[in-house]
Amino acid sequence: MTRSWRMFAGRNRMESRPFHRFGDERTVRFCGIEPVAVELVEDADGVYYGWLRTDGTAPVMVQGTRGMFEMQSPDGFAGDIEAGRGEIVRLSCRAVEAES
């Protein structure tokens, strides 16, 4: 079963990674970016990397490159994975209509 999550992001100028600054609407706006409703989908070939906590609520620390993602943790999340706190997920992303 493929997992997916709805959240917000800002538009990015890179064609290969059209979104950045993922989070809730307020957080994206706080970064000075107009929020766009997006759907992140678990995808082994996706261009985004995210950390999914064990509770599975939504990916956090979503980044467009593996290097930028791994910079968020000194051990590349190995300790957190071993401790059962979460997992690294590859993601694809697309804009969706905002839910009212």
C-alpha atoms as a PDB file:
ATOM      1  CA  MET A   1       0.000   0.000   0.000  1.00  0.00           C
ATOM      2  CA  THR A   2       1.386   3.382  -1.019  1.00  0.00           C
ATOM      3  CA  ARG A   3       1.260   6.034   1.687  1.00  0.00           C
ATOM      4  CA  SER A   4       0.464   9.671   0.951  1.00  0.00           C
ATOM      5  CA  TRP A   5       0.159  12.895   2.899  1.00  0.00           C
ATOM      6  CA  ARG A   6      -1.360  16.331   2.259  1.00  0.00           C
ATOM      7  CA  MET A   7       0.566  19.396   3.348  1.00  0.00           C
ATOM      8  CA  PHE A   8       1.810  22.725   2.012  1.00  0.00           C
ATOM      9  CA  ALA A   9       5.001  23.827   0.273  1.00  0.00           C
ATOM     10  CA  GLY A  10       6.429  26.772  -1.582  1.00  0.00           C
ATOM     11  CA  ARG A  11       7.075  26.818  -5.310  1.00  0.00           C
ATOM     12  CA  ASN A  12      10.711  26.332  -6.304  1.00  0.00           C
ATOM     13  CA  ARG A  13      12.362  27.480  -9.531  1.00  0.00           C
ATOM     14  CA  MET A  14      14.010  24.086 -10.133  1.00  0.00           C
ATOM     15  CA  GLU A  15      12.106  21.986 -12.670  1.00  0.00           C
ATOM     16  CA  SER A  16      13.320  18.705 -11.195  1.00  0.00           C
ATOM     17  CA  ARG A  17      12.191  19.734  -7.690  1.00  0.00           C
ATOM     18  CA  PRO A  18       9.325  22.199  -8.082  1.00  0.00           C
ATOM     19  CA  PHE A  19       8.571  22.534  -4.335  1.00  0.00           C
ATOM     20  CA  HIS A  20      10.457  23.349  -1.135  1.00  0.00           C
ATOM     21  CA  ARG A  21       9.818  24.480   2.467  1.00  0.00           C
ATOM     22  CA  PHE A  22       7.286  21.761   3.308  1.00  0.00           C
ATOM     23  CA  GLY A  23       5.006  22.036   6.315  1.00  0.00           C
ATOM     24  CA  ASP A  24       1.693  23.445   7.389  1.00  0.00           C
ATOM     25  CA  GLU A  25       0.296  26.541   5.704  1.00  0.00           C
ATOM     26  CA  ARG A  26       1.409  28.916   8.467  1.00  0.00           C
ATOM     27  CA  THR A  27       4.987  27.593   8.507  1.00  0.00           C
ATOM     28  CA  VAL A  28       5.396  27.997   4.742  1.00  0.00           C
ATOM     29  CA  ARG A  29       3.964  31.512   4.875  1.00  0.00           C
ATOM     30  CA  PHE A  30       6.337  32.340   7.779  1.00  0.00           C
ATOM     31  CA  CYS A  31       9.236  31.645   5.358  1.00  0.00           C
ATOM     32  CA  GLY A  32       7.918  34.461   3.152  1.00  0.00           C
ATOM     33  CA  ILE A  33       6.548  32.049   0.568  1.00  0.00           C
ATOM     34  CA  GLU A  34       2.985  31.725  -0.716  1.00  0.00           C
ATOM     35  CA  PRO A  35       1.792  28.220   0.325  1.00  0.00           C
ATOM     36  CA  VAL A  36       0.666  25.701  -2.287  1.00  0.00           C
ATOM     37  CA  ALA A  37      -1.373  22.631  -1.282  1.00  0.00           C
ATOM     38  CA  VAL A  38       0.606  19.506  -2.220  1.00  0.00           C
ATOM     39  CA  GLU A  39       0.388  15.756  -1.916  1.00  0.00           C
ATOM     40  CA  LEU A  40       3.528  13.827  -1.008  1.00  0.00           C
ATOM     41  CA  VAL A  41       3.456  10.189  -2.105  1.00  0.00           C
ATOM     42  CA  GLU A  42       5.843   7.457  -1.046  1.00  0.00           C
ATOM     43  CA  ASP A  43       7.780   6.676  -4.237  1.00  0.00           C
ATOM     44  CA  ALA A  44      11.024   4.674  -4.474  1.00  0.00           C
ATOM     45  CA  ASP A  45      12.037   6.834  -7.463  1.00  0.00           C
ATOM     46  CA  GLY A  46      10.884  10.155  -5.957  1.00  0.00           C
ATOM     47  CA  VAL A  47      13.259  13.116  -5.954  1.00  0.00           C
ATOM     48  CA  TYR A  48      12.473  14.169  -2.377  1.00  0.00           C
ATOM     49  CA  TYR A  49      13.703  12.618   0.895  1.00  0.00           C
ATOM     50  CA  GLY A  50      11.764  12.823   4.118  1.00  0.00           C
ATOM     51  CA  TRP A  51      11.913  11.625   7.686  1.00  0.00           C
ATOM     52  CA  LEU A  52       8.776   9.756   8.741  1.00  0.00           C
ATOM     53  CA  ARG A  53       8.395   9.420  12.492  1.00  0.00           C
ATOM     54  CA  THR A  54       7.087   6.153  13.852  1.00  0.00           C
ATOM     55  CA  ASP A  55       3.650   7.736  14.409  1.00  0.00           C
ATOM     56  CA  GLY A  56       3.397   8.137  10.605  1.00  0.00           C
ATOM     57  CA  THR A  57       1.533  11.453  10.786  1.00  0.00           C
ATOM     58  CA  ALA A  58       3.459  13.171   7.971  1.00  0.00           C
ATOM     59  CA  PRO A  59       7.024  13.339   6.713  1.00  0.00           C
ATOM     60  CA  VAL A  60       9.195  15.986   8.334  1.00  0.00           C
ATOM     61  CA  MET A  61      12.461  17.544   7.185  1.00  0.00           C
ATOM     62  CA  VAL A  62      11.609  16.995   3.512  1.00  0.00           C
ATOM     63  CA  GLN A  63      14.565  17.874   1.272  1.00  0.00           C
ATOM     64  CA  GLY A  64      15.181  17.784  -2.467  1.00  0.00           C
ATOM     65  CA  THR A  65      18.582  16.068  -2.324  1.00  0.00           C
ATOM     66  CA  ARG A  66      20.016  13.218  -0.278  1.00  0.00           C
ATOM     67  CA  GLY A  67      22.985  15.356   0.803  1.00  0.00           C
ATOM     68  CA  MET A  68      20.813  18.185   2.138  1.00  0.00           C
ATOM     69  CA  PHE A  69      18.590  15.645   3.867  1.00  0.00           C
ATOM     70  CA  GLU A  70      21.473  13.840   5.583  1.00  0.00           C
ATOM     71  CA  MET A  71      22.915  17.155   6.801  1.00  0.00           C
ATOM     72  CA  GLN A  72      19.926  17.352   9.166  1.00  0.00           C
ATOM     73  CA  SER A  73      21.349  14.563  11.347  1.00  0.00           C
ATOM     74  CA  PRO A  74      25.006  13.960  12.289  1.00  0.00           C
ATOM     75  CA  ASP A  75      24.725  10.188  11.804  1.00  0.00           C
ATOM     76  CA  GLY A  76      22.394  10.284   8.778  1.00  0.00           C
ATOM     77  CA  PHE A  77      19.484   9.108  10.942  1.00  0.00           C
ATOM     78  CA  ALA A  78      21.068   5.670  11.509  1.00  0.00           C
ATOM     79  CA  GLY A  79      20.715   5.995  15.297  1.00  0.00           C
ATOM     80  CA  ASP A  80      17.075   7.036  15.032  1.00  0.00           C
ATOM     81  CA  ILE A  81      16.296   4.161  12.666  1.00  0.00           C
ATOM     82  CA  GLU A  82      18.018   1.640  14.959  1.00  0.00           C
ATOM     83  CA  ALA A  83      16.075   3.017  17.945  1.00  0.00           C
ATOM     84  CA  GLY A  84      12.785   2.614  16.062  1.00  0.00           C
ATOM     85  CA  ARG A  85      11.978   6.333  16.011  1.00  0.00           C
ATOM     86  CA  GLY A  86      11.256   6.523  12.285  1.00  0.00           C
ATOM     87  CA  GLU A  87      12.379   5.855   8.738  1.00  0.00           C
ATOM     88  CA  ILE A  88      13.695   7.622   5.660  1.00  0.00           C
ATOM     89  CA  VAL A  89      11.149   7.750   2.840  1.00  0.00           C
ATOM     90  CA  ARG A  90      11.592   8.725  -0.811  1.00  0.00           C
ATOM     91  CA  LEU A  91       8.779  10.931  -2.029  1.00  0.00           C
ATOM     92  CA  SER A  92       7.251  12.433  -5.122  1.00  0.00           C
ATOM     93  CA  CYS A  93       5.160  15.592  -4.892  1.00  0.00           C
ATOM     94  CA  ARG A  94       2.402  17.270  -6.871  1.00  0.00           C
ATOM     95  CA  ALA A  95       0.192  20.319  -6.389  1.00  0.00           C
ATOM     96  CA  VAL A  96      -3.436  19.621  -5.454  1.00  0.00           C
ATOM     97  CA  GLU A  97      -6.559  21.679  -4.978  1.00  0.00           C
ATOM     98  CA  ALA A  98      -6.676  23.089  -1.468  1.00  0.00           C
ATOM     99  CA  GLU A  99      -9.351  21.484   0.675  1.00  0.00           C
ATOM    100  CA  SER A 100     -11.935  23.893   2.055  1.00  0.00           C
END
